[in-house]
Amino acid sequence: MYGDISIVAADDHPMLLKGLVDELHNYNYNVVASVGNGAQALDKIIELQPTVALLDIEMPLLSGFEVIQKCIEKALKTKFIILTSHKEKGFVLKAKKLNIQGYILKDEPAVELHKCIQEVVKGGTYFSSEFTKILQDQVSPEVEKIKFLSPSERTIVRLVAQGNSSKEIGELLSISSRTVEKHRSNIISKLDLSPEMDALTTWAIEHKELILSI
Protein backbone atom coordinates (compact mmCIF):
# COMPACT_ATOMS: atom_id res chain seq x y z
CA MET A 1 0.00 0.00 0.00
CA TYR A 2 2.87 2.36 0.79
CA GLY A 3 5.49 0.73 -1.44
CA ASP A 4 5.82 3.87 -3.54
CA ILE A 5 7.26 5.69 -0.51
CA SER A 6 11.01 5.03 -0.44
CA ILE A 7 12.87 5.44 2.86
CA VAL A 8 16.48 5.62 4.04
CA ALA A 9 16.77 4.84 7.75
CA ALA A 10 19.85 5.68 9.85
CA ASP A 11 20.65 4.82 13.47
CA ASP A 12 23.96 3.78 15.03
CA HIS A 13 22.31 1.20 17.33
CA PRO A 14 21.96 -2.02 15.26
CA MET A 15 19.08 -3.48 17.28
CA LEU A 16 17.10 -0.23 17.18
CA LEU A 17 17.77 0.10 13.46
CA LYS A 18 16.55 -3.46 12.82
CA GLY A 19 13.42 -2.83 14.89
CA LEU A 20 12.77 0.38 12.97
CA VAL A 21 13.17 -1.32 9.59
CA ASP A 22 10.89 -4.18 10.68
CA GLU A 23 8.19 -1.70 11.69
CA LEU A 24 8.51 0.12 8.37
CA HIS A 25 8.18 -3.19 6.53
CA ASN A 26 5.05 -3.95 8.55
CA TYR A 27 3.50 -0.88 6.92
CA ASN A 28 4.88 -1.99 3.53
CA TYR A 29 7.17 0.99 3.12
CA ASN A 30 10.00 0.60 0.63
CA VAL A 31 13.16 0.75 2.79
CA VAL A 32 15.86 1.29 0.16
CA ALA A 33 18.74 1.51 2.66
CA SER A 34 19.43 1.20 6.39
CA VAL A 35 22.77 2.49 7.65
CA GLY A 36 24.63 2.95 10.92
CA ASN A 37 26.34 6.34 10.62
CA GLY A 38 25.76 9.81 9.27
CA ALA A 39 28.28 9.62 6.43
CA GLN A 40 26.62 6.50 5.04
CA ALA A 41 23.22 8.13 5.43
CA LEU A 42 24.35 11.17 3.42
CA ASP A 43 25.82 8.98 0.67
CA LYS A 44 22.65 6.89 0.37
CA ILE A 45 20.33 9.90 0.41
CA ILE A 46 22.32 11.58 -2.37
CA GLU A 47 22.55 8.35 -4.36
CA LEU A 48 18.96 7.12 -3.94
CA GLN A 49 17.10 10.39 -3.28
CA PRO A 50 14.40 8.67 -1.21
CA THR A 51 11.00 10.12 -0.46
CA VAL A 52 11.84 10.26 3.25
CA ALA A 53 14.97 9.97 5.38
CA LEU A 54 14.61 8.86 9.02
CA LEU A 55 17.64 10.00 11.00
CA ASP A 56 18.85 9.76 14.57
CA ILE A 57 20.53 12.93 15.83
CA GLU A 58 23.72 11.57 17.38
CA MET A 59 25.53 9.27 14.95
CA PRO A 60 29.21 8.66 14.13
CA LEU A 61 30.93 10.82 11.49
CA LEU A 62 27.95 13.11 10.86
CA SER A 63 25.02 13.97 13.10
CA GLY A 64 21.48 13.80 11.78
CA PHE A 65 21.39 17.60 11.70
CA GLU A 66 24.64 17.77 9.71
CA VAL A 67 23.28 15.27 7.18
CA ILE A 68 20.13 17.35 6.76
CA GLN A 69 22.08 20.61 6.40
CA LYS A 70 24.24 19.10 3.64
CA CYS A 71 21.18 17.76 1.84
CA ILE A 72 19.49 21.16 2.04
CA GLU A 73 22.59 22.72 0.48
CA LYS A 74 22.25 20.26 -2.40
CA ALA A 75 18.54 21.14 -2.80
CA LEU A 76 17.43 17.52 -2.51
CA LYS A 77 13.68 16.87 -2.47
CA THR A 78 13.87 14.24 0.30
CA LYS A 79 11.72 14.91 3.37
CA PHE A 80 13.44 14.56 6.75
CA ILE A 81 12.20 13.07 10.00
CA ILE A 82 14.28 13.05 13.17
CA LEU A 83 13.73 9.91 15.26
CA THR A 84 15.48 10.42 18.59
CA SER A 85 15.49 10.15 22.36
CA HIS A 86 16.57 13.78 22.75
CA LYS A 87 14.14 16.25 24.29
CA GLU A 88 16.62 19.02 25.09
CA LYS A 89 15.68 22.58 24.18
CA GLY A 90 18.68 23.10 21.92
CA PHE A 91 17.86 20.08 19.77
CA VAL A 92 14.23 21.12 19.46
CA LEU A 93 15.19 24.62 18.34
CA LYS A 94 17.78 23.30 15.88
CA ALA A 95 15.12 21.08 14.31
CA LYS A 96 12.80 24.06 13.89
CA LYS A 97 15.54 26.24 12.42
CA LEU A 98 16.33 23.59 9.80
CA ASN A 99 12.61 23.35 8.93
CA ILE A 100 12.68 19.62 9.53
CA GLN A 101 9.33 18.14 8.59
CA GLY A 102 9.04 15.63 11.44
CA TYR A 103 10.41 15.03 14.94
CA ILE A 104 9.41 11.83 16.72
CA LEU A 105 10.66 10.38 20.00
CA LYS A 106 11.85 6.79 20.01
CA ASP A 107 9.68 5.82 22.97
CA GLU A 108 6.49 6.63 21.07
CA PRO A 109 4.44 3.86 19.42
CA ALA A 110 5.19 2.90 15.83
CA VAL A 111 1.84 4.25 14.70
CA GLU A 112 3.06 7.79 15.51
CA LEU A 113 5.98 7.36 13.11
CA HIS A 114 3.58 6.03 10.48
CA LYS A 115 1.34 9.09 10.92
CA CYS A 116 4.39 11.32 10.72
CA ILE A 117 5.59 9.76 7.46
CA GLN A 118 2.15 10.09 5.91
CA GLU A 119 1.89 13.74 6.89
CA VAL A 120 5.34 14.80 5.65
CA VAL A 121 4.88 12.95 2.35
CA LYS A 122 1.77 15.08 1.81
CA GLY A 123 3.86 18.21 2.37
CA GLY A 124 2.88 18.81 5.99
CA THR A 125 4.75 18.64 9.28
CA TYR A 126 4.34 16.28 12.22
CA PHE A 127 5.96 16.70 15.61
CA SER A 128 5.80 14.70 18.78
CA SER A 129 3.46 16.26 21.34
CA GLU A 130 6.46 16.39 23.70
CA PHE A 131 8.38 18.35 21.04
CA THR A 132 5.57 20.89 20.78
CA LYS A 133 5.29 21.17 24.57
CA ILE A 134 9.02 21.82 24.97
CA LEU A 135 8.93 24.38 22.17
CA GLN A 136 6.01 26.29 23.67
CA ASP A 137 6.89 26.03 27.37
CA GLN A 138 10.69 26.13 27.37
CA VAL A 139 12.24 27.14 24.07
CA SER A 140 10.05 30.04 22.95
CA PRO A 141 10.27 32.02 26.24
CA GLU A 142 14.08 31.66 26.32
CA VAL A 143 14.39 32.62 22.65
CA GLU A 144 12.33 35.75 23.26
CA LYS A 145 14.63 36.72 26.14
CA ILE A 146 17.73 36.29 23.99
CA LYS A 147 16.20 38.23 21.09
CA PHE A 148 15.67 41.15 23.47
CA LEU A 149 19.46 41.46 23.87
CA SER A 150 21.41 43.86 21.69
CA PRO A 151 23.72 42.39 18.98
CA SER A 152 26.76 43.10 21.17
CA GLU A 153 25.15 41.41 24.16
CA ARG A 154 24.23 38.36 22.10
CA THR A 155 27.84 38.08 20.95
CA ILE A 156 29.03 38.18 24.55
CA VAL A 157 26.46 35.56 25.60
CA ARG A 158 27.70 33.24 22.83
CA LEU A 159 31.30 33.72 23.94
CA VAL A 160 30.34 33.07 27.57
CA ALA A 161 28.53 29.88 26.49
CA GLN A 162 31.73 28.77 24.76
CA GLY A 163 33.60 29.06 28.07
CA ASN A 164 35.41 32.37 27.61
CA SER A 165 36.24 34.55 30.62
CA SER A 166 35.57 38.30 30.67
CA LYS A 167 39.26 38.92 30.00
CA GLU A 168 39.26 36.56 27.01
CA ILE A 169 36.06 38.10 25.67
CA GLY A 170 37.60 41.57 25.97
CA GLU A 171 40.65 40.44 24.01
CA LEU A 172 38.50 38.79 21.32
CA LEU A 173 36.30 41.87 20.90
CA SER A 174 39.06 44.45 21.51
CA ILE A 175 37.25 46.00 24.46
CA SER A 176 38.22 46.33 28.12
CA SER A 177 37.31 43.73 30.73
CA ARG A 178 35.41 46.49 32.53
CA THR A 179 33.22 47.02 29.46
CA VAL A 180 32.60 43.28 29.25
CA GLU A 181 31.56 43.22 32.91
CA LYS A 182 29.17 46.11 32.29
CA HIS A 183 27.62 44.19 29.38
CA ARG A 184 27.35 41.08 31.55
CA SER A 185 25.55 43.06 34.24
CA ASN A 186 23.06 44.41 31.68
CA ILE A 187 22.53 40.91 30.26
CA ILE A 188 21.86 39.48 33.72
CA SER A 189 19.25 42.18 34.27
CA LYS A 190 17.55 41.59 30.90
CA LEU A 191 17.48 37.83 31.38
CA ASP A 192 16.15 38.26 34.91
CA LEU A 193 18.97 36.20 36.44
CA SER A 194 20.30 36.43 39.98
CA PRO A 195 22.77 39.32 40.39
CA GLU A 196 25.86 37.16 40.97
CA MET A 197 28.30 37.56 38.08
CA ASP A 198 28.70 33.78 37.66
CA ALA A 199 24.91 33.47 37.20
CA LEU A 200 25.33 34.36 33.51
CA THR A 201 28.05 31.74 33.06
CA THR A 202 25.87 29.05 34.64
CA TRP A 203 22.86 30.04 32.53
CA ALA A 204 24.86 30.28 29.30
CA ILE A 205 26.45 26.86 29.73
CA GLU A 206 23.08 25.31 30.55
CA HIS A 207 21.53 26.89 27.43
CA LYS A 208 24.58 26.55 25.18
CA GLU A 209 22.84 24.58 22.42
CA LEU A 210 19.99 27.07 22.40
CA ILE A 211 22.27 30.12 22.36
CA LEU A 212 24.50 28.84 19.58
CA SER A 213 21.44 27.92 17.49
CA ILE A 214 20.09 31.47 17.35
C-alpha atoms as a PDB file:
ATOM      1  CA  MET A   1       0.000   0.000   0.000  1.00  0.00           C
ATOM      2  CA  TYR A   2       2.872   2.356   0.789  1.00  0.00           C
ATOM      3  CA  GLY A   3       5.490   0.728  -1.438  1.00  0.00           C
ATOM      4  CA  ASP A   4       5.820   3.869  -3.540  1.00  0.00           C
ATOM      5  CA  ILE A   5       7.262   5.690  -0.515  1.00  0.00           C
ATOM      6  CA  SER A   6      11.007   5.034  -0.444  1.00  0.00           C
ATOM      7  CA  ILE A   7      12.869   5.445   2.857  1.00  0.00           C
ATOM      8  CA  VAL A   8      16.481   5.616   4.041  1.00  0.00           C
ATOM      9  CA  ALA A   9      16.774   4.840   7.753  1.00  0.00           C
ATOM     10  CA  ALA A  10      19.848   5.682   9.846  1.00  0.00           C
ATOM     11  CA  ASP A  11      20.649   4.816  13.469  1.00  0.00           C
ATOM     12  CA  ASP A  12      23.958   3.775  15.026  1.00  0.00           C
ATOM     13  CA  HIS A  13      22.311   1.197  17.325  1.00  0.00           C
ATOM     14  CA  PRO A  14      21.960  -2.025  15.263  1.00  0.00           C
ATOM     15  CA  MET A  15      19.076  -3.481  17.281  1.00  0.00           C
ATOM     16  CA  LEU A  16      17.105  -0.230  17.180  1.00  0.00           C
ATOM     17  CA  LEU A  17      17.770   0.098  13.457  1.00  0.00           C
ATOM     18  CA  LYS A  18      16.554  -3.462  12.822  1.00  0.00           C
ATOM     19  CA  GLY A  19      13.419  -2.832  14.886  1.00  0.00           C
ATOM     20  CA  LEU A  20      12.774   0.382  12.965  1.00  0.00           C
ATOM     21  CA  VAL A  21      13.170  -1.321   9.593  1.00  0.00           C
ATOM     22  CA  ASP A  22      10.892  -4.178  10.685  1.00  0.00           C
ATOM     23  CA  GLU A  23       8.193  -1.695  11.693  1.00  0.00           C
ATOM     24  CA  LEU A  24       8.507   0.122   8.366  1.00  0.00           C
ATOM     25  CA  HIS A  25       8.180  -3.186   6.526  1.00  0.00           C
ATOM     26  CA  ASN A  26       5.053  -3.948   8.552  1.00  0.00           C
ATOM     27  CA  TYR A  27       3.504  -0.884   6.924  1.00  0.00           C
ATOM     28  CA  ASN A  28       4.878  -1.994   3.529  1.00  0.00           C
ATOM     29  CA  TYR A  29       7.167   0.987   3.120  1.00  0.00           C
ATOM     30  CA  ASN A  30      10.000   0.598   0.627  1.00  0.00           C
ATOM     31  CA  VAL A  31      13.157   0.754   2.794  1.00  0.00           C
ATOM     32  CA  VAL A  32      15.863   1.290   0.164  1.00  0.00           C
ATOM     33  CA  ALA A  33      18.741   1.507   2.665  1.00  0.00           C
ATOM     34  CA  SER A  34      19.432   1.203   6.392  1.00  0.00           C
ATOM     35  CA  VAL A  35      22.767   2.490   7.651  1.00  0.00           C
ATOM     36  CA  GLY A  36      24.629   2.950  10.924  1.00  0.00           C
ATOM     37  CA  ASN A  37      26.336   6.336  10.624  1.00  0.00           C
ATOM     38  CA  GLY A  38      25.759   9.814   9.271  1.00  0.00           C
ATOM     39  CA  ALA A  39      28.278   9.624   6.431  1.00  0.00           C
ATOM     40  CA  GLN A  40      26.619   6.495   5.036  1.00  0.00           C
ATOM     41  CA  ALA A  41      23.225   8.130   5.428  1.00  0.00           C
ATOM     42  CA  LEU A  42      24.347  11.166   3.421  1.00  0.00           C
ATOM     43  CA  ASP A  43      25.816   8.979   0.666  1.00  0.00           C
ATOM     44  CA  LYS A  44      22.647   6.890   0.369  1.00  0.00           C
ATOM     45  CA  ILE A  45      20.327   9.902   0.407  1.00  0.00           C
ATOM     46  CA  ILE A  46      22.321  11.580  -2.371  1.00  0.00           C
ATOM     47  CA  GLU A  47      22.546   8.345  -4.365  1.00  0.00           C
ATOM     48  CA  LEU A  48      18.960   7.124  -3.942  1.00  0.00           C
ATOM     49  CA  GLN A  49      17.097  10.389  -3.277  1.00  0.00           C
ATOM     50  CA  PRO A  50      14.398   8.673  -1.205  1.00  0.00           C
ATOM     51  CA  THR A  51      10.997  10.124  -0.459  1.00  0.00           C
ATOM     52  CA  VAL A  52      11.840  10.259   3.249  1.00  0.00           C
ATOM     53  CA  ALA A  53      14.973   9.968   5.376  1.00  0.00           C
ATOM     54  CA  LEU A  54      14.610   8.856   9.015  1.00  0.00           C
ATOM     55  CA  LEU A  55      17.636   9.996  11.003  1.00  0.00           C
ATOM     56  CA  ASP A  56      18.855   9.756  14.566  1.00  0.00           C
ATOM     57  CA  ILE A  57      20.530  12.928  15.835  1.00  0.00           C
ATOM     58  CA  GLU A  58      23.724  11.572  17.381  1.00  0.00           C
ATOM     59  CA  MET A  59      25.527   9.270  14.950  1.00  0.00           C
ATOM     60  CA  PRO A  60      29.208   8.659  14.134  1.00  0.00           C
ATOM     61  CA  LEU A  61      30.928  10.816  11.489  1.00  0.00           C
ATOM     62  CA  LEU A  62      27.952  13.114  10.858  1.00  0.00           C
ATOM     63  CA  SER A  63      25.019  13.973  13.097  1.00  0.00           C
ATOM     64  CA  GLY A  64      21.480  13.801  11.776  1.00  0.00           C
ATOM     65  CA  PHE A  65      21.389  17.603  11.703  1.00  0.00           C
ATOM     66  CA  GLU A  66      24.640  17.766   9.711  1.00  0.00           C
ATOM     67  CA  VAL A  67      23.280  15.266   7.181  1.00  0.00           C
ATOM     68  CA  ILE A  68      20.131  17.347   6.761  1.00  0.00           C
ATOM     69  CA  GLN A  69      22.077  20.606   6.398  1.00  0.00           C
ATOM     70  CA  LYS A  70      24.244  19.100   3.643  1.00  0.00           C
ATOM     71  CA  CYS A  71      21.184  17.757   1.838  1.00  0.00           C
ATOM     72  CA  ILE A  72      19.492  21.159   2.044  1.00  0.00           C
ATOM     73  CA  GLU A  73      22.590  22.722   0.484  1.00  0.00           C
ATOM     74  CA  LYS A  74      22.248  20.264  -2.404  1.00  0.00           C
ATOM     75  CA  ALA A  75      18.543  21.143  -2.805  1.00  0.00           C
ATOM     76  CA  LEU A  76      17.431  17.520  -2.514  1.00  0.00           C
ATOM     77  CA  LYS A  77      13.683  16.870  -2.471  1.00  0.00           C
ATOM     78  CA  THR A  78      13.871  14.240   0.298  1.00  0.00           C
ATOM     79  CA  LYS A  79      11.720  14.914   3.370  1.00  0.00           C
ATOM     80  CA  PHE A  80      13.436  14.564   6.747  1.00  0.00           C
ATOM     81  CA  ILE A  81      12.204  13.071   9.995  1.00  0.00           C
ATOM     82  CA  ILE A  82      14.283  13.047  13.166  1.00  0.00           C
ATOM     83  CA  LEU A  83      13.732   9.910  15.258  1.00  0.00           C
ATOM     84  CA  THR A  84      15.482  10.425  18.586  1.00  0.00           C
ATOM     85  CA  SER A  85      15.493  10.146  22.356  1.00  0.00           C
ATOM     86  CA  HIS A  86      16.570  13.779  22.754  1.00  0.00           C
ATOM     87  CA  LYS A  87      14.136  16.250  24.291  1.00  0.00           C
ATOM     88  CA  GLU A  88      16.625  19.025  25.087  1.00  0.00           C
ATOM     89  CA  LYS A  89      15.682  22.576  24.179  1.00  0.00           C
ATOM     90  CA  GLY A  90      18.684  23.101  21.918  1.00  0.00           C
ATOM     91  CA  PHE A  91      17.861  20.079  19.773  1.00  0.00           C
ATOM     92  CA  VAL A  92      14.233  21.115  19.460  1.00  0.00           C
ATOM     93  CA  LEU A  93      15.192  24.621  18.343  1.00  0.00           C
ATOM     94  CA  LYS A  94      17.777  23.302  15.879  1.00  0.00           C
ATOM     95  CA  ALA A  95      15.121  21.077  14.309  1.00  0.00           C
ATOM     96  CA  LYS A  96      12.797  24.064  13.893  1.00  0.00           C
ATOM     97  CA  LYS A  97      15.544  26.243  12.417  1.00  0.00           C
ATOM     98  CA  LEU A  98      16.326  23.586   9.798  1.00  0.00           C
ATOM     99  CA  ASN A  99      12.607  23.355   8.934  1.00  0.00           C
ATOM    100  CA  ILE A 100      12.680  19.620   9.531  1.00  0.00           C
ATOM    101  CA  GLN A 101       9.331  18.136   8.586  1.00  0.00           C
ATOM    102  CA  GLY A 102       9.042  15.629  11.438  1.00  0.00           C
ATOM    103  CA  TYR A 103      10.414  15.034  14.944  1.00  0.00           C
ATOM    104  CA  ILE A 104       9.411  11.825  16.716  1.00  0.00           C
ATOM    105  CA  LEU A 105      10.657  10.384  20.003  1.00  0.00           C
ATOM    106  CA  LYS A 106      11.854   6.790  20.011  1.00  0.00           C
ATOM    107  CA  ASP A 107       9.683   5.820  22.975  1.00  0.00           C
ATOM    108  CA  GLU A 108       6.489   6.628  21.071  1.00  0.00           C
ATOM    109  CA  PRO A 109       4.438   3.858  19.422  1.00  0.00           C
ATOM    110  CA  ALA A 110       5.194   2.904  15.827  1.00  0.00           C
ATOM    111  CA  VAL A 111       1.837   4.252  14.696  1.00  0.00           C
ATOM    112  CA  GLU A 112       3.061   7.788  15.509  1.00  0.00           C
ATOM    113  CA  LEU A 113       5.977   7.362  13.115  1.00  0.00           C
ATOM    114  CA  HIS A 114       3.579   6.028  10.479  1.00  0.00           C
ATOM    115  CA  LYS A 115       1.339   9.086  10.924  1.00  0.00           C
ATOM    116  CA  CYS A 116       4.393  11.325  10.720  1.00  0.00           C
ATOM    117  CA  ILE A 117       5.589   9.756   7.460  1.00  0.00           C
ATOM    118  CA  GLN A 118       2.149  10.085   5.913  1.00  0.00           C
ATOM    119  CA  GLU A 119       1.887  13.740   6.889  1.00  0.00           C
ATOM    120  CA  VAL A 120       5.338  14.804   5.653  1.00  0.00           C
ATOM    121  CA  VAL A 121       4.879  12.951   2.355  1.00  0.00           C
ATOM    122  CA  LYS A 122       1.765  15.080   1.806  1.00  0.00           C
ATOM    123  CA  GLY A 123       3.856  18.206   2.368  1.00  0.00           C
ATOM    124  CA  GLY A 124       2.877  18.808   5.988  1.00  0.00           C
ATOM    125  CA  THR A 125       4.753  18.638   9.281  1.00  0.00           C
ATOM    126  CA  TYR A 126       4.336  16.284  12.215  1.00  0.00           C
ATOM    127  CA  PHE A 127       5.956  16.700  15.607  1.00  0.00           C
ATOM    128  CA  SER A 128       5.798  14.695  18.784  1.00  0.00           C
ATOM    129  CA  SER A 129       3.457  16.259  21.344  1.00  0.00           C
ATOM    130  CA  GLU A 130       6.459  16.390  23.700  1.00  0.00           C
ATOM    131  CA  PHE A 131       8.382  18.353  21.043  1.00  0.00           C
ATOM    132  CA  THR A 132       5.574  20.895  20.784  1.00  0.00           C
ATOM    133  CA  LYS A 133       5.289  21.172  24.569  1.00  0.00           C
ATOM    134  CA  ILE A 134       9.024  21.819  24.972  1.00  0.00           C
ATOM    135  CA  LEU A 135       8.931  24.378  22.166  1.00  0.00           C
ATOM    136  CA  GLN A 136       6.010  26.286  23.673  1.00  0.00           C
ATOM    137  CA  ASP A 137       6.891  26.034  27.367  1.00  0.00           C
ATOM    138  CA  GLN A 138      10.686  26.127  27.373  1.00  0.00           C
ATOM    139  CA  VAL A 139      12.240  27.143  24.070  1.00  0.00           C
ATOM    140  CA  SER A 140      10.048  30.042  22.947  1.00  0.00           C
ATOM    141  CA  PRO A 141      10.274  32.020  26.236  1.00  0.00           C
ATOM    142  CA  GLU A 142      14.083  31.661  26.319  1.00  0.00           C
ATOM    143  CA  VAL A 143      14.388  32.624  22.648  1.00  0.00           C
ATOM    144  CA  GLU A 144      12.332  35.754  23.258  1.00  0.00           C
ATOM    145  CA  LYS A 145      14.626  36.723  26.140  1.00  0.00           C
ATOM    146  CA  ILE A 146      17.728  36.291  23.992  1.00  0.00           C
ATOM    147  CA  LYS A 147      16.200  38.226  21.094  1.00  0.00           C
ATOM    148  CA  PHE A 148      15.672  41.145  23.472  1.00  0.00           C
ATOM    149  CA  LEU A 149      19.460  41.456  23.870  1.00  0.00           C
ATOM    150  CA  SER A 150      21.414  43.864  21.687  1.00  0.00           C
ATOM    151  CA  PRO A 151      23.716  42.392  18.983  1.00  0.00           C
ATOM    152  CA  SER A 152      26.758  43.100  21.173  1.00  0.00           C
ATOM    153  CA  GLU A 153      25.146  41.413  24.158  1.00  0.00           C
ATOM    154  CA  ARG A 154      24.231  38.361  22.095  1.00  0.00           C
ATOM    155  CA  THR A 155      27.837  38.082  20.951  1.00  0.00           C
ATOM    156  CA  ILE A 156      29.031  38.178  24.550  1.00  0.00           C
ATOM    157  CA  VAL A 157      26.460  35.561  25.600  1.00  0.00           C
ATOM    158  CA  ARG A 158      27.701  33.244  22.826  1.00  0.00           C
ATOM    159  CA  LEU A 159      31.298  33.721  23.945  1.00  0.00           C
ATOM    160  CA  VAL A 160      30.338  33.070  27.570  1.00  0.00           C
ATOM    161  CA  ALA A 161      28.526  29.882  26.488  1.00  0.00           C
ATOM    162  CA  GLN A 162      31.731  28.773  24.758  1.00  0.00           C
ATOM    163  CA  GLY A 163      33.600  29.065  28.066  1.00  0.00           C
ATOM    164  CA  ASN A 164      35.411  32.370  27.614  1.00  0.00           C
ATOM    165  CA  SER A 165      36.237  34.554  30.621  1.00  0.00           C
ATOM    166  CA  SER A 166      35.573  38.302  30.666  1.00  0.00           C
ATOM    167  CA  LYS A 167      39.261  38.923  29.998  1.00  0.00           C
ATOM    168  CA  GLU A 168      39.256  36.556  27.014  1.00  0.00           C
ATOM    169  CA  ILE A 169      36.057  38.101  25.670  1.00  0.00           C
ATOM    170  CA  GLY A 170      37.598  41.567  25.971  1.00  0.00           C
ATOM    171  CA  GLU A 171      40.651  40.437  24.008  1.00  0.00           C
ATOM    172  CA  LEU A 172      38.502  38.794  21.317  1.00  0.00           C
ATOM    173  CA  LEU A 173      36.301  41.873  20.905  1.00  0.00           C
ATOM    174  CA  SER A 174      39.062  44.450  21.510  1.00  0.00           C
ATOM    175  CA  ILE A 175      37.251  46.001  24.461  1.00  0.00           C
ATOM    176  CA  SER A 176      38.219  46.327  28.121  1.00  0.00           C
ATOM    177  CA  SER A 177      37.311  43.728  30.731  1.00  0.00           C
ATOM    178  CA  ARG A 178      35.414  46.487  32.534  1.00  0.00           C
ATOM    179  CA  THR A 179      33.220  47.021  29.458  1.00  0.00           C
ATOM    180  CA  VAL A 180      32.600  43.277  29.254  1.00  0.00           C
ATOM    181  CA  GLU A 181      31.559  43.219  32.913  1.00  0.00           C
ATOM    182  CA  LYS A 182      29.166  46.109  32.286  1.00  0.00           C
ATOM    183  CA  HIS A 183      27.624  44.191  29.382  1.00  0.00           C
ATOM    184  CA  ARG A 184      27.354  41.082  31.548  1.00  0.00           C
ATOM    185  CA  SER A 185      25.551  43.057  34.236  1.00  0.00           C
ATOM    186  CA  ASN A 186      23.062  44.405  31.680  1.00  0.00           C
ATOM    187  CA  ILE A 187      22.527  40.912  30.256  1.00  0.00           C
ATOM    188  CA  ILE A 188      21.861  39.483  33.720  1.00  0.00           C
ATOM    189  CA  SER A 189      19.253  42.178  34.271  1.00  0.00           C
ATOM    190  CA  LYS A 190      17.547  41.592  30.902  1.00  0.00           C
ATOM    191  CA  LEU A 191      17.476  37.826  31.376  1.00  0.00           C
ATOM    192  CA  ASP A 192      16.152  38.258  34.911  1.00  0.00           C
ATOM    193  CA  LEU A 193      18.967  36.197  36.436  1.00  0.00           C
ATOM    194  CA  SER A 194      20.295  36.434  39.978  1.00  0.00           C
ATOM    195  CA  PRO A 195      22.767  39.323  40.392  1.00  0.00           C
ATOM    196  CA  GLU A 196      25.860  37.161  40.972  1.00  0.00           C
ATOM    197  CA  MET A 197      28.299  37.557  38.076  1.00  0.00           C
ATOM    198  CA  ASP A 198      28.698  33.782  37.665  1.00  0.00           C
ATOM    199  CA  ALA A 199      24.908  33.471  37.199  1.00  0.00           C
ATOM    200  CA  LEU A 200      25.330  34.358  33.512  1.00  0.00           C
ATOM    201  CA  THR A 201      28.049  31.736  33.056  1.00  0.00           C
ATOM    202  CA  THR A 202      25.870  29.055  34.636  1.00  0.00           C
ATOM    203  CA  TRP A 203      22.857  30.038  32.531  1.00  0.00           C
ATOM    204  CA  ALA A 204      24.855  30.285  29.301  1.00  0.00           C
ATOM    205  CA  ILE A 205      26.451  26.860  29.734  1.00  0.00           C
ATOM    206  CA  GLU A 206      23.081  25.306  30.551  1.00  0.00           C
ATOM    207  CA  HIS A 207      21.529  26.888  27.429  1.00  0.00           C
ATOM    208  CA  LYS A 208      24.575  26.554  25.181  1.00  0.00           C
ATOM    209  CA  GLU A 209      22.842  24.577  22.419  1.00  0.00           C
ATOM    210  CA  LEU A 210      19.994  27.066  22.402  1.00  0.00           C
ATOM    211  CA  ILE A 211      22.268  30.125  22.357  1.00  0.00           C
ATOM    212  CA  LEU A 212      24.499  28.840  19.576  1.00  0.00           C
ATOM    213  CA  SER A 213      21.443  27.921  17.491  1.00  0.00           C
ATOM    214  CA  ILE A 214      20.094  31.472  17.349  1.00  0.00           C
END
